[in-house]
Structure formats: C-alpha cells, structure tokens
N, C-alpha and C. Protein backbone atom coordinates (compact mmCIF):
# COMPACT_ATOMS: atom_id res chain seq x y z
N MET A 1 -20.42 -2.42 12.23
CA MET A 1 -19.76 -1.62 11.22
C MET A 1 -19.00 -2.56 10.29
N THR A 2 -19.12 -2.34 8.99
CA THR A 2 -18.44 -3.20 8.02
C THR A 2 -16.95 -2.87 7.96
N THR A 3 -16.19 -3.76 7.37
CA THR A 3 -14.75 -3.53 7.21
C THR A 3 -14.49 -2.29 6.37
N ILE A 4 -15.26 -2.10 5.32
CA ILE A 4 -15.08 -0.92 4.47
C ILE A 4 -15.36 0.36 5.26
N GLU A 5 -16.41 0.34 6.09
CA GLU A 5 -16.72 1.50 6.91
C GLU A 5 -15.60 1.75 7.93
N MET A 6 -15.10 0.69 8.54
CA MET A 6 -14.01 0.84 9.51
C MET A 6 -12.77 1.43 8.84
N LEU A 7 -12.48 0.99 7.62
CA LEU A 7 -11.36 1.53 6.87
C LEU A 7 -11.60 3.00 6.54
N TYR A 8 -12.81 3.33 6.09
CA TYR A 8 -13.17 4.71 5.71
C TYR A 8 -13.05 5.66 6.91
N TYR A 9 -13.54 5.24 8.06
CA TYR A 9 -13.54 6.10 9.23
C TYR A 9 -12.21 6.10 9.99
N GLY A 10 -11.23 5.40 9.45
CA GLY A 10 -9.90 5.44 10.04
C GLY A 10 -9.68 4.53 11.22
N HIS A 11 -10.54 3.52 11.38
CA HIS A 11 -10.38 2.58 12.49
C HIS A 11 -9.41 1.45 12.14
N ILE A 12 -9.10 1.31 10.87
CA ILE A 12 -8.14 0.29 10.40
C ILE A 12 -6.98 1.02 9.76
N HIS A 13 -5.79 0.66 10.13
CA HIS A 13 -4.58 1.29 9.59
C HIS A 13 -3.71 0.21 8.95
N PRO A 14 -3.98 -0.13 7.68
CA PRO A 14 -3.25 -1.24 7.06
C PRO A 14 -1.75 -0.99 6.93
N GLN A 15 -1.34 0.25 6.96
CA GLN A 15 0.09 0.54 6.81
C GLN A 15 0.85 0.34 8.12
N GLU A 16 0.13 0.23 9.23
CA GLU A 16 0.77 0.06 10.52
C GLU A 16 0.75 -1.40 10.95
N LYS A 17 1.87 -1.88 11.37
CA LYS A 17 1.94 -3.23 11.91
C LYS A 17 3.11 -3.30 12.87
N LEU A 18 3.02 -4.21 13.80
CA LEU A 18 4.11 -4.39 14.75
C LEU A 18 5.27 -5.07 14.05
N ILE A 19 6.45 -4.59 14.33
CA ILE A 19 7.65 -5.14 13.71
C ILE A 19 8.45 -5.91 14.75
N ASP A 20 8.74 -7.15 14.44
CA ASP A 20 9.56 -7.97 15.32
C ASP A 20 10.96 -7.35 15.38
N PRO A 21 11.44 -7.00 16.57
CA PRO A 21 12.75 -6.35 16.67
C PRO A 21 13.91 -7.21 16.16
N GLU A 22 13.69 -8.51 16.03
CA GLU A 22 14.73 -9.41 15.53
C GLU A 22 14.63 -9.62 14.01
N SER A 23 13.62 -9.05 13.37
CA SER A 23 13.42 -9.27 11.94
C SER A 23 14.47 -8.53 11.11
N ARG A 24 14.63 -8.98 9.89
CA ARG A 24 15.57 -8.33 8.96
C ARG A 24 15.18 -6.87 8.74
N PHE A 25 13.87 -6.61 8.67
CA PHE A 25 13.39 -5.25 8.48
C PHE A 25 13.84 -4.34 9.63
N ALA A 26 13.65 -4.81 10.88
CA ALA A 26 14.03 -4.00 12.04
C ALA A 26 15.53 -3.75 12.08
N VAL A 27 16.30 -4.78 11.75
CA VAL A 27 17.76 -4.64 11.76
C VAL A 27 18.19 -3.60 10.71
N LEU A 28 17.62 -3.69 9.51
CA LEU A 28 17.96 -2.71 8.47
C LEU A 28 17.49 -1.31 8.83
N GLN A 29 16.32 -1.21 9.45
CA GLN A 29 15.81 0.09 9.86
C GLN A 29 16.75 0.74 10.88
N ASP A 30 17.21 -0.03 11.85
CA ASP A 30 18.17 0.48 12.84
C ASP A 30 19.48 0.90 12.18
N PHE A 31 19.95 0.08 11.23
CA PHE A 31 21.18 0.39 10.52
C PHE A 31 21.05 1.70 9.74
N LEU A 32 19.94 1.86 9.02
CA LEU A 32 19.73 3.09 8.26
C LEU A 32 19.64 4.30 9.17
N SER A 33 18.98 4.15 10.29
CA SER A 33 18.84 5.27 11.22
C SER A 33 20.20 5.70 11.77
N SER A 34 20.99 4.74 12.20
CA SER A 34 22.31 5.10 12.74
C SER A 34 23.23 5.63 11.64
N SER A 35 23.13 5.08 10.44
CA SER A 35 23.94 5.57 9.32
C SER A 35 23.56 7.00 8.95
N ASP A 36 22.25 7.28 9.00
CA ASP A 36 21.78 8.63 8.71
C ASP A 36 22.33 9.62 9.73
N GLU A 37 22.29 9.25 10.99
CA GLU A 37 22.83 10.12 12.04
C GLU A 37 24.33 10.34 11.84
N ASP A 38 25.06 9.27 11.53
CA ASP A 38 26.51 9.38 11.31
C ASP A 38 26.80 10.29 10.12
N LEU A 39 26.08 10.08 9.02
CA LEU A 39 26.31 10.88 7.82
C LEU A 39 25.99 12.35 8.07
N THR A 40 24.90 12.61 8.74
CA THR A 40 24.52 14.00 9.04
C THR A 40 25.59 14.67 9.89
N ARG A 41 26.10 13.94 10.86
CA ARG A 41 27.14 14.50 11.73
C ARG A 41 28.44 14.77 10.97
N LEU A 42 28.77 13.88 10.01
CA LEU A 42 30.04 14.01 9.27
C LEU A 42 29.99 15.03 8.15
N LEU A 43 28.79 15.32 7.65
CA LEU A 43 28.67 16.27 6.53
C LEU A 43 28.99 17.69 6.98
N PRO A 44 29.65 18.44 6.13
CA PRO A 44 29.85 19.86 6.44
C PRO A 44 28.49 20.56 6.51
N GLU A 45 28.42 21.60 7.29
CA GLU A 45 27.16 22.32 7.51
C GLU A 45 26.52 22.76 6.20
N ASN A 46 27.31 23.19 5.22
CA ASN A 46 26.75 23.68 3.96
C ASN A 46 26.19 22.56 3.07
N CYS A 47 26.44 21.30 3.40
CA CYS A 47 25.90 20.17 2.62
C CYS A 47 24.67 19.53 3.27
N ARG A 48 24.41 19.85 4.52
CA ARG A 48 23.32 19.20 5.24
C ARG A 48 21.94 19.53 4.66
N GLY A 49 21.77 20.74 4.17
CA GLY A 49 20.49 21.12 3.57
C GLY A 49 20.16 20.27 2.35
N ALA A 50 21.18 20.06 1.51
CA ALA A 50 20.98 19.24 0.31
C ALA A 50 20.67 17.80 0.70
N TYR A 51 21.32 17.31 1.73
CA TYR A 51 21.07 15.94 2.20
C TYR A 51 19.65 15.82 2.76
N GLU A 52 19.21 16.80 3.53
CA GLU A 52 17.85 16.78 4.08
C GLU A 52 16.80 16.84 2.96
N THR A 53 17.08 17.62 1.91
CA THR A 53 16.17 17.69 0.75
C THR A 53 16.11 16.34 0.06
N PHE A 54 17.25 15.69 -0.10
CA PHE A 54 17.31 14.37 -0.71
C PHE A 54 16.49 13.37 0.10
N LYS A 55 16.66 13.38 1.44
CA LYS A 55 15.92 12.45 2.29
C LYS A 55 14.42 12.69 2.21
N ALA A 56 14.01 13.94 2.17
CA ALA A 56 12.58 14.27 2.09
C ALA A 56 11.99 13.77 0.78
N ALA A 57 12.72 13.95 -0.33
CA ALA A 57 12.24 13.46 -1.63
C ALA A 57 12.18 11.94 -1.64
N TYR A 58 13.17 11.30 -1.06
CA TYR A 58 13.17 9.84 -0.99
C TYR A 58 12.01 9.32 -0.14
N ASP A 59 11.77 9.98 0.98
CA ASP A 59 10.64 9.58 1.84
C ASP A 59 9.31 9.73 1.11
N GLU A 60 9.16 10.81 0.35
CA GLU A 60 7.93 11.01 -0.42
C GLU A 60 7.77 9.94 -1.49
N LEU A 61 8.85 9.61 -2.19
CA LEU A 61 8.81 8.56 -3.20
C LEU A 61 8.44 7.22 -2.57
N TYR A 62 9.00 6.93 -1.40
CA TYR A 62 8.70 5.69 -0.69
C TYR A 62 7.22 5.65 -0.31
N ALA A 63 6.69 6.77 0.16
CA ALA A 63 5.27 6.82 0.56
C ALA A 63 4.36 6.60 -0.64
N ILE A 64 4.70 7.18 -1.79
CA ILE A 64 3.91 6.98 -3.01
C ILE A 64 3.95 5.51 -3.42
N THR A 65 5.12 4.92 -3.40
CA THR A 65 5.28 3.51 -3.76
C THR A 65 4.47 2.62 -2.83
N GLU A 66 4.52 2.91 -1.54
CA GLU A 66 3.78 2.12 -0.56
C GLU A 66 2.27 2.25 -0.77
N THR A 67 1.80 3.44 -1.07
CA THR A 67 0.37 3.67 -1.32
C THR A 67 -0.08 2.92 -2.57
N GLU A 68 0.72 2.99 -3.63
CA GLU A 68 0.37 2.28 -4.86
C GLU A 68 0.39 0.77 -4.66
N ALA A 69 1.33 0.27 -3.88
CA ALA A 69 1.38 -1.17 -3.60
C ALA A 69 0.14 -1.60 -2.82
N PHE A 70 -0.31 -0.77 -1.87
CA PHE A 70 -1.52 -1.08 -1.13
C PHE A 70 -2.73 -1.12 -2.06
N ALA A 71 -2.85 -0.11 -2.92
CA ALA A 71 -3.98 -0.04 -3.86
C ALA A 71 -3.96 -1.24 -4.81
N ASP A 72 -2.79 -1.60 -5.32
CA ASP A 72 -2.68 -2.76 -6.22
C ASP A 72 -3.07 -4.04 -5.49
N GLY A 73 -2.61 -4.21 -4.27
CA GLY A 73 -2.96 -5.39 -3.50
C GLY A 73 -4.45 -5.44 -3.18
N PHE A 74 -5.02 -4.30 -2.87
CA PHE A 74 -6.46 -4.24 -2.59
C PHE A 74 -7.24 -4.61 -3.84
N SER A 75 -6.84 -4.06 -4.99
CA SER A 75 -7.52 -4.37 -6.26
C SER A 75 -7.42 -5.86 -6.57
N LEU A 76 -6.26 -6.43 -6.35
CA LEU A 76 -6.09 -7.86 -6.59
C LEU A 76 -7.02 -8.67 -5.69
N GLY A 77 -7.11 -8.27 -4.42
CA GLY A 77 -8.01 -8.96 -3.50
C GLY A 77 -9.46 -8.88 -3.94
N VAL A 78 -9.88 -7.71 -4.42
CA VAL A 78 -11.25 -7.56 -4.91
C VAL A 78 -11.48 -8.44 -6.13
N ARG A 79 -10.53 -8.46 -7.04
CA ARG A 79 -10.66 -9.30 -8.24
C ARG A 79 -10.76 -10.77 -7.86
N LEU A 80 -9.92 -11.20 -6.92
CA LEU A 80 -9.97 -12.60 -6.47
C LEU A 80 -11.33 -12.90 -5.85
N GLY A 81 -11.84 -11.97 -5.07
CA GLY A 81 -13.15 -12.17 -4.45
C GLY A 81 -14.26 -12.28 -5.48
N ILE A 82 -14.23 -11.42 -6.49
CA ILE A 82 -15.25 -11.46 -7.53
C ILE A 82 -15.14 -12.74 -8.34
N GLU A 83 -13.92 -13.11 -8.72
CA GLU A 83 -13.74 -14.31 -9.52
C GLU A 83 -14.11 -15.58 -8.73
N SER A 84 -14.00 -15.51 -7.41
CA SER A 84 -14.37 -16.68 -6.61
C SER A 84 -15.87 -16.94 -6.66
N TYR A 85 -16.63 -15.96 -7.08
CA TYR A 85 -18.08 -16.14 -7.26
C TYR A 85 -18.43 -16.52 -8.68
N GLY A 86 -17.45 -16.91 -9.48
CA GLY A 86 -17.71 -17.40 -10.83
C GLY A 86 -17.81 -16.33 -11.88
N ARG A 87 -17.18 -15.20 -11.65
CA ARG A 87 -17.19 -14.13 -12.64
C ARG A 87 -15.76 -13.77 -13.01
N LYS A 88 -15.57 -13.40 -14.23
CA LYS A 88 -14.25 -13.00 -14.72
C LYS A 88 -14.25 -11.50 -14.95
N ILE A 89 -13.12 -10.84 -14.69
CA ILE A 89 -12.99 -9.41 -14.91
C ILE A 89 -11.97 -9.21 -16.02
N ASP A 90 -12.34 -8.46 -17.06
CA ASP A 90 -11.37 -8.19 -18.12
C ASP A 90 -10.47 -7.03 -17.68
N SER A 91 -9.50 -6.70 -18.51
CA SER A 91 -8.53 -5.68 -18.14
C SER A 91 -9.15 -4.30 -17.99
N TRP A 92 -10.38 -4.10 -18.48
CA TRP A 92 -11.06 -2.80 -18.37
C TRP A 92 -11.97 -2.76 -17.16
N GLY A 93 -12.05 -3.84 -16.40
CA GLY A 93 -12.88 -3.85 -15.21
C GLY A 93 -14.31 -4.29 -15.45
N SER A 94 -14.63 -4.80 -16.65
CA SER A 94 -15.98 -5.27 -16.94
C SER A 94 -16.14 -6.70 -16.46
N PHE A 95 -17.34 -7.02 -16.01
CA PHE A 95 -17.63 -8.36 -15.51
C PHE A 95 -18.16 -9.25 -16.64
N HIS A 96 -17.76 -10.50 -16.63
CA HIS A 96 -18.24 -11.48 -17.58
C HIS A 96 -18.52 -12.77 -16.83
N ALA A 97 -19.64 -13.41 -17.14
CA ALA A 97 -19.97 -14.66 -16.49
C ALA A 97 -19.04 -15.77 -16.98
N LEU A 98 -18.57 -16.60 -16.06
CA LEU A 98 -17.75 -17.75 -16.43
C LEU A 98 -18.62 -18.95 -16.73
N THR A 99 -19.81 -18.96 -16.17
CA THR A 99 -20.74 -20.07 -16.42
C THR A 99 -21.99 -19.51 -17.09
N PRO A 100 -22.64 -20.28 -17.96
CA PRO A 100 -23.77 -19.77 -18.72
C PRO A 100 -24.96 -19.30 -17.87
N HIS A 101 -25.16 -19.88 -16.68
CA HIS A 101 -26.33 -19.51 -15.90
C HIS A 101 -26.17 -18.19 -15.13
N ILE A 102 -24.98 -17.60 -15.16
CA ILE A 102 -24.77 -16.31 -14.49
C ILE A 102 -24.69 -15.23 -15.56
N ALA A 103 -25.60 -14.30 -15.50
CA ALA A 103 -25.61 -13.20 -16.47
C ALA A 103 -25.59 -11.88 -15.73
N ILE A 104 -24.69 -11.02 -16.10
CA ILE A 104 -24.62 -9.70 -15.49
C ILE A 104 -24.76 -8.68 -16.61
N SER A 105 -25.88 -8.02 -16.65
CA SER A 105 -26.07 -7.03 -17.70
C SER A 105 -25.82 -5.64 -17.15
N LYS A 106 -26.20 -5.37 -15.90
CA LYS A 106 -26.03 -4.06 -15.32
C LYS A 106 -25.93 -4.22 -13.82
N MET A 107 -24.96 -3.59 -13.22
CA MET A 107 -24.83 -3.67 -11.78
C MET A 107 -25.56 -2.49 -11.16
N THR A 108 -26.38 -2.73 -10.16
CA THR A 108 -27.08 -1.67 -9.45
C THR A 108 -26.75 -1.79 -7.98
N PHE A 109 -26.76 -0.68 -7.32
CA PHE A 109 -26.46 -0.65 -5.90
C PHE A 109 -27.65 -0.05 -5.17
N GLN A 110 -28.03 -0.66 -4.07
CA GLN A 110 -29.15 -0.16 -3.28
C GLN A 110 -28.64 0.28 -1.92
N ASN A 111 -29.28 1.29 -1.39
CA ASN A 111 -28.91 1.77 -0.04
C ASN A 111 -29.63 0.98 1.02
C-alpha cells in the first residue's frame, strides 16, 4: 500500500504524535489544563456557559489553523519533490521545465 493510500484509508495520523512529558509543549499543556479547571471553578455559574462557548470557538479556530498548516506543509513538500526532478512550479500550479531537454505539455494519469 502506498503512503497516499495509507493516508487516505486512515492508517496514518499526521496530527498525532507522542509528546515528551518534559517538553515545553507538555508543560504548557498541563498549565493550560489546570488553569482552565481553576477558572471554571472560580467563575460564577451564570458565566460558565459563556466561557465554555469561548473555549469551543477557540478550539475550532485552533483546529482550522492546524489543518491549514498541515495542508500548506504538504503542498510545500510536493513542490519540493517536483522541483527536485528539475521542474519549476509557478504560483498558479503550472509546471515549467528548468532544463531545455525536459518538456511538459500535458500531464496524463494512468490507472
């Protein structure tokens, strides 16, 4: 099975990775979690709904940002791979040969 097929069928989860418990990320994650619990406990009952709505919107924004960053990184990787074969990609995604002996007039895909 190819890497693309493994990604398509859900066998690869690029967003998941093991986090070193001593890393800055893990320390900040623990701090945010405990701060969230403290804030929720300290907020009056009538303010907790607004806080939960805020957290949900923030989580959604974070997920969108993370997805876009993955897509941008993937696109960059594809561009680097294509250019490593001696082809240049313009800002519109069209291919151009970098050397005269490589000509790409039409890309076709076969099954």
